[in-house]
Amino acid sequence: MDPKLAPVTVFAFVRHGHTTYNVEHRVNGDPSVPVALSEDGRVQAKALGLMIAHFDWDLCVHTRFPRTVETARLALGDRFDEVPQVEDAGLDDVDVGELEGWTLDRYRAWKEQHTRHDQFPGGESLDDTARRYARSFRSLADRPERSVFVVCHDIPVRYLLNAAACSSELDYPNHAIPNATPFLFTSDALLMAAEQIDRIVDATFVHRLSDE
């Protein structure tokens, strides 16, 4: 088959709907903590369902966090139990360890005093998280399905958008990722983003070593 005529896999990456912790301005990186969608989040997830209604999804991917499953269930509606499901822990939110449940202000204050290479106490570093996402993007790109609906979190979508755009920073120019909004990618875009994420993390690591 002519490569130009080969079928293209479409991935729709979505940040979950608004949650009760969003209302309380708290961070959650532990999937065992039951953080549910807020009323606004449920409305967003149902509206997302209208955006994706005419796609025949071969696969639905969600993380271990209940809010991603709830978003997928509301968006897919009656189709939720018909579409094959895969739980991908590699796309989980950042493990913030002992910062679990902290307010956003306290969380951001901690980040200002540390680098991306520093691990959250009892958790992982942002650089470790970025590499984890890159591995998951590569794994998804290798899947045989042709239409994949992925419900995950703010940071993996942000990193994916910026890396796929060849930005030299993972957090910019796209930073605030809207809830329950689909962003479309191809397998090639996922692979390119994964490579760029690794390059960015490698560059920050080399820069850190040069400063020591």
Foldseek 3Di string as FASTA:
>chain_A
DPPVPDAWAKEWEFEFFAWPCNVVQWDAQDQVPQIERDPRRLVLLLVLLVVCVPDDAQEEEEESHPRLVSSQCNSVPPCSVVHHYDYDNLQGDFFLAPSHGPHNVVVVVVPVVDDQCDHRVRTHGVLVSLLSLLVVLLVVLPDPTRYYYYYGHQQSVQQLVCQLVVHLDSCPDPHDHHHSDIDMDTSVSSNSSSVSSVVSSVVVVVVVVVVD
